[in-house]
Amino acid sequence: MSEDSEKYWYNLTTGKVERGFESPAIDRAGPFDTAEEAANAPELIKQRSAQWAADDAREDD
C-alpha cells in the first residue's frame, strides 16, 4: 500500500473529502495531509490556477 493511500483527497465530482483511493483518479484532487486541507482544495486550485495564468501571461510578454 502506498503512502498516498492513507492521505486525504478532495472528490471533484461529489465535493466530499475522502481518505485513500475511494474514487477514480480522474475525480480526485490531492493528496493532502489532513481532511481540513482537502476540504480547502477548491480554493487552493483556484489560487494556483490564477498564479499559473499570471505566470503564463508574464512569459508571453
N, C-alpha and C. Protein backbone atom coordinates (compact mmCIF):
# COMPACT_ATOMS: atom_id res chain seq x y z
N MET A 1 0.84 -1.17 0.00
CA MET A 1 0.00 0.00 0.00
C MET A 1 0.89 1.24 0.00
N SER A 2 0.58 2.19 -0.85
CA SER A 2 1.41 3.39 -0.94
C SER A 2 1.04 4.38 0.16
N GLU A 3 1.96 5.29 0.42
CA GLU A 3 1.73 6.32 1.43
C GLU A 3 0.52 7.18 1.06
N ASP A 4 0.32 7.47 -0.23
CA ASP A 4 -0.79 8.31 -0.67
C ASP A 4 -2.14 7.66 -0.38
N SER A 5 -2.18 6.35 -0.25
CA SER A 5 -3.45 5.68 0.01
C SER A 5 -3.96 5.98 1.42
N GLU A 6 -3.11 6.54 2.26
CA GLU A 6 -3.52 6.90 3.62
C GLU A 6 -3.79 8.40 3.76
N LYS A 7 -3.64 9.14 2.69
CA LYS A 7 -3.84 10.58 2.74
C LYS A 7 -5.28 10.93 2.37
N TYR A 8 -5.56 12.23 2.40
CA TYR A 8 -6.91 12.72 2.11
C TYR A 8 -6.96 13.29 0.70
N TRP A 9 -8.12 13.16 0.10
CA TRP A 9 -8.34 13.61 -1.26
C TRP A 9 -9.66 14.38 -1.32
N TYR A 10 -9.75 15.32 -2.24
CA TYR A 10 -10.99 16.03 -2.48
C TYR A 10 -11.61 15.46 -3.73
N ASN A 11 -12.85 15.01 -3.63
CA ASN A 11 -13.55 14.45 -4.78
C ASN A 11 -14.17 15.61 -5.55
N LEU A 12 -13.70 15.83 -6.77
CA LEU A 12 -14.15 16.94 -7.59
C LEU A 12 -15.58 16.78 -8.07
N THR A 13 -16.07 15.56 -8.10
CA THR A 13 -17.44 15.29 -8.56
C THR A 13 -18.45 15.46 -7.44
N THR A 14 -18.14 14.90 -6.27
CA THR A 14 -19.10 14.94 -5.16
C THR A 14 -18.88 16.11 -4.22
N GLY A 15 -17.67 16.69 -4.22
CA GLY A 15 -17.34 17.77 -3.30
C GLY A 15 -17.04 17.28 -1.90
N LYS A 16 -16.81 15.98 -1.76
CA LYS A 16 -16.55 15.41 -0.44
C LYS A 16 -15.08 15.08 -0.26
N VAL A 17 -14.65 15.09 0.99
CA VAL A 17 -13.29 14.68 1.35
C VAL A 17 -13.30 13.17 1.53
N GLU A 18 -12.28 12.52 0.99
CA GLU A 18 -12.16 11.07 1.08
C GLU A 18 -10.79 10.72 1.63
N ARG A 19 -10.70 9.56 2.25
CA ARG A 19 -9.40 9.09 2.72
C ARG A 19 -9.02 7.88 1.87
N GLY A 20 -7.85 7.96 1.28
CA GLY A 20 -7.41 6.87 0.43
C GLY A 20 -8.01 6.96 -0.95
N PHE A 21 -7.90 5.87 -1.67
CA PHE A 21 -8.31 5.84 -3.08
C PHE A 21 -9.74 5.33 -3.21
N GLU A 22 -10.70 6.10 -2.68
CA GLU A 22 -12.11 5.71 -2.74
C GLU A 22 -12.69 5.89 -4.13
N SER A 23 -12.26 6.92 -4.84
CA SER A 23 -12.82 7.27 -6.14
C SER A 23 -11.77 7.13 -7.24
N PRO A 24 -12.22 7.08 -8.49
CA PRO A 24 -11.26 7.04 -9.59
C PRO A 24 -10.34 8.28 -9.58
N ALA A 25 -9.14 8.10 -10.03
CA ALA A 25 -8.14 9.18 -10.01
C ALA A 25 -8.62 10.45 -10.70
N ILE A 26 -9.38 10.31 -11.77
CA ILE A 26 -9.85 11.49 -12.51
C ILE A 26 -10.76 12.38 -11.67
N ASP A 27 -11.38 11.81 -10.65
CA ASP A 27 -12.30 12.56 -9.80
C ASP A 27 -11.63 13.15 -8.55
N ARG A 28 -10.35 12.88 -8.33
CA ARG A 28 -9.68 13.26 -7.09
C ARG A 28 -8.67 14.38 -7.29
N ALA A 29 -8.62 15.28 -6.29
CA ALA A 29 -7.53 16.27 -6.20
C ALA A 29 -6.79 15.97 -4.90
N GLY A 30 -5.49 16.02 -4.96
CA GLY A 30 -4.70 15.74 -3.76
C GLY A 30 -3.43 15.02 -4.14
N PRO A 31 -2.77 14.48 -3.19
CA PRO A 31 -3.19 14.18 -1.82
C PRO A 31 -2.93 15.35 -0.87
N PHE A 32 -3.64 15.30 0.26
CA PHE A 32 -3.48 16.28 1.32
C PHE A 32 -3.20 15.52 2.62
N ASP A 33 -2.48 16.17 3.53
CA ASP A 33 -2.12 15.53 4.79
C ASP A 33 -3.29 15.47 5.77
N THR A 34 -4.20 16.43 5.69
CA THR A 34 -5.32 16.47 6.62
C THR A 34 -6.64 16.62 5.87
N ALA A 35 -7.72 16.25 6.54
CA ALA A 35 -9.06 16.41 5.95
C ALA A 35 -9.37 17.90 5.74
N GLU A 36 -8.89 18.74 6.64
CA GLU A 36 -9.13 20.18 6.52
C GLU A 36 -8.47 20.75 5.27
N GLU A 37 -7.25 20.33 4.99
CA GLU A 37 -6.57 20.77 3.77
C GLU A 37 -7.33 20.30 2.54
N ALA A 38 -7.79 19.06 2.56
CA ALA A 38 -8.54 18.53 1.42
C ALA A 38 -9.83 19.30 1.22
N ALA A 39 -10.50 19.67 2.29
CA ALA A 39 -11.75 20.41 2.19
C ALA A 39 -11.53 21.79 1.56
N ASN A 40 -10.32 22.31 1.66
CA ASN A 40 -9.97 23.62 1.10
C ASN A 40 -9.47 23.51 -0.35
N ALA A 41 -9.52 22.34 -0.91
CA ALA A 41 -8.98 22.11 -2.25
C ALA A 41 -9.55 23.04 -3.32
N PRO A 42 -10.86 23.28 -3.37
CA PRO A 42 -11.36 24.18 -4.44
C PRO A 42 -10.71 25.56 -4.41
N GLU A 43 -10.53 26.12 -3.22
CA GLU A 43 -9.90 27.44 -3.11
C GLU A 43 -8.42 27.35 -3.51
N LEU A 44 -7.75 26.31 -3.09
CA LEU A 44 -6.34 26.12 -3.42
C LEU A 44 -6.16 25.97 -4.94
N ILE A 45 -7.03 25.20 -5.56
CA ILE A 45 -6.98 25.02 -7.02
C ILE A 45 -7.20 26.35 -7.73
N LYS A 46 -8.16 27.13 -7.24
CA LYS A 46 -8.44 28.45 -7.82
C LYS A 46 -7.22 29.36 -7.72
N GLN A 47 -6.59 29.38 -6.54
CA GLN A 47 -5.40 30.23 -6.34
C GLN A 47 -4.26 29.80 -7.24
N ARG A 48 -4.02 28.50 -7.31
CA ARG A 48 -2.92 28.00 -8.16
C ARG A 48 -3.17 28.28 -9.62
N SER A 49 -4.41 28.14 -10.06
CA SER A 49 -4.75 28.41 -11.46
C SER A 49 -4.52 29.88 -11.80
N ALA A 50 -4.90 30.75 -10.90
CA ALA A 50 -4.69 32.19 -11.11
C ALA A 50 -3.19 32.50 -11.18
N GLN A 51 -2.41 31.86 -10.32
CA GLN A 51 -0.97 32.09 -10.33
C GLN A 51 -0.34 31.58 -11.62
N TRP A 52 -0.77 30.39 -12.06
CA TRP A 52 -0.24 29.85 -13.32
C TRP A 52 -0.61 30.75 -14.50
N ALA A 53 -1.82 31.27 -14.51
CA ALA A 53 -2.25 32.17 -15.59
C ALA A 53 -1.40 33.44 -15.58
N ALA A 54 -1.13 33.98 -14.40
CA ALA A 54 -0.30 35.18 -14.30
C ALA A 54 1.12 34.89 -14.77
N ASP A 55 1.65 33.73 -14.39
CA ASP A 55 2.99 33.35 -14.83
C ASP A 55 3.05 33.20 -16.33
N ASP A 56 2.04 32.56 -16.92
CA ASP A 56 1.99 32.38 -18.37
C ASP A 56 1.90 33.73 -19.08
N ALA A 57 1.12 34.64 -18.54
CA ALA A 57 0.98 35.96 -19.14
C ALA A 57 2.31 36.71 -19.13
N ARG A 58 3.06 36.59 -18.03
CA ARG A 58 4.37 37.24 -17.96
C ARG A 58 5.34 36.62 -18.98
N GLU A 59 5.28 35.31 -19.14
CA GLU A 59 6.17 34.63 -20.09
C GLU A 59 5.85 35.02 -21.53
N ASP A 60 4.56 35.32 -21.79
CA ASP A 60 4.15 35.69 -23.15
C ASP A 60 4.55 37.11 -23.51
N ASP A 61 4.86 37.94 -22.50
CA ASP A 61 5.26 39.33 -22.77
C ASP A 61 6.66 39.45 -23.28
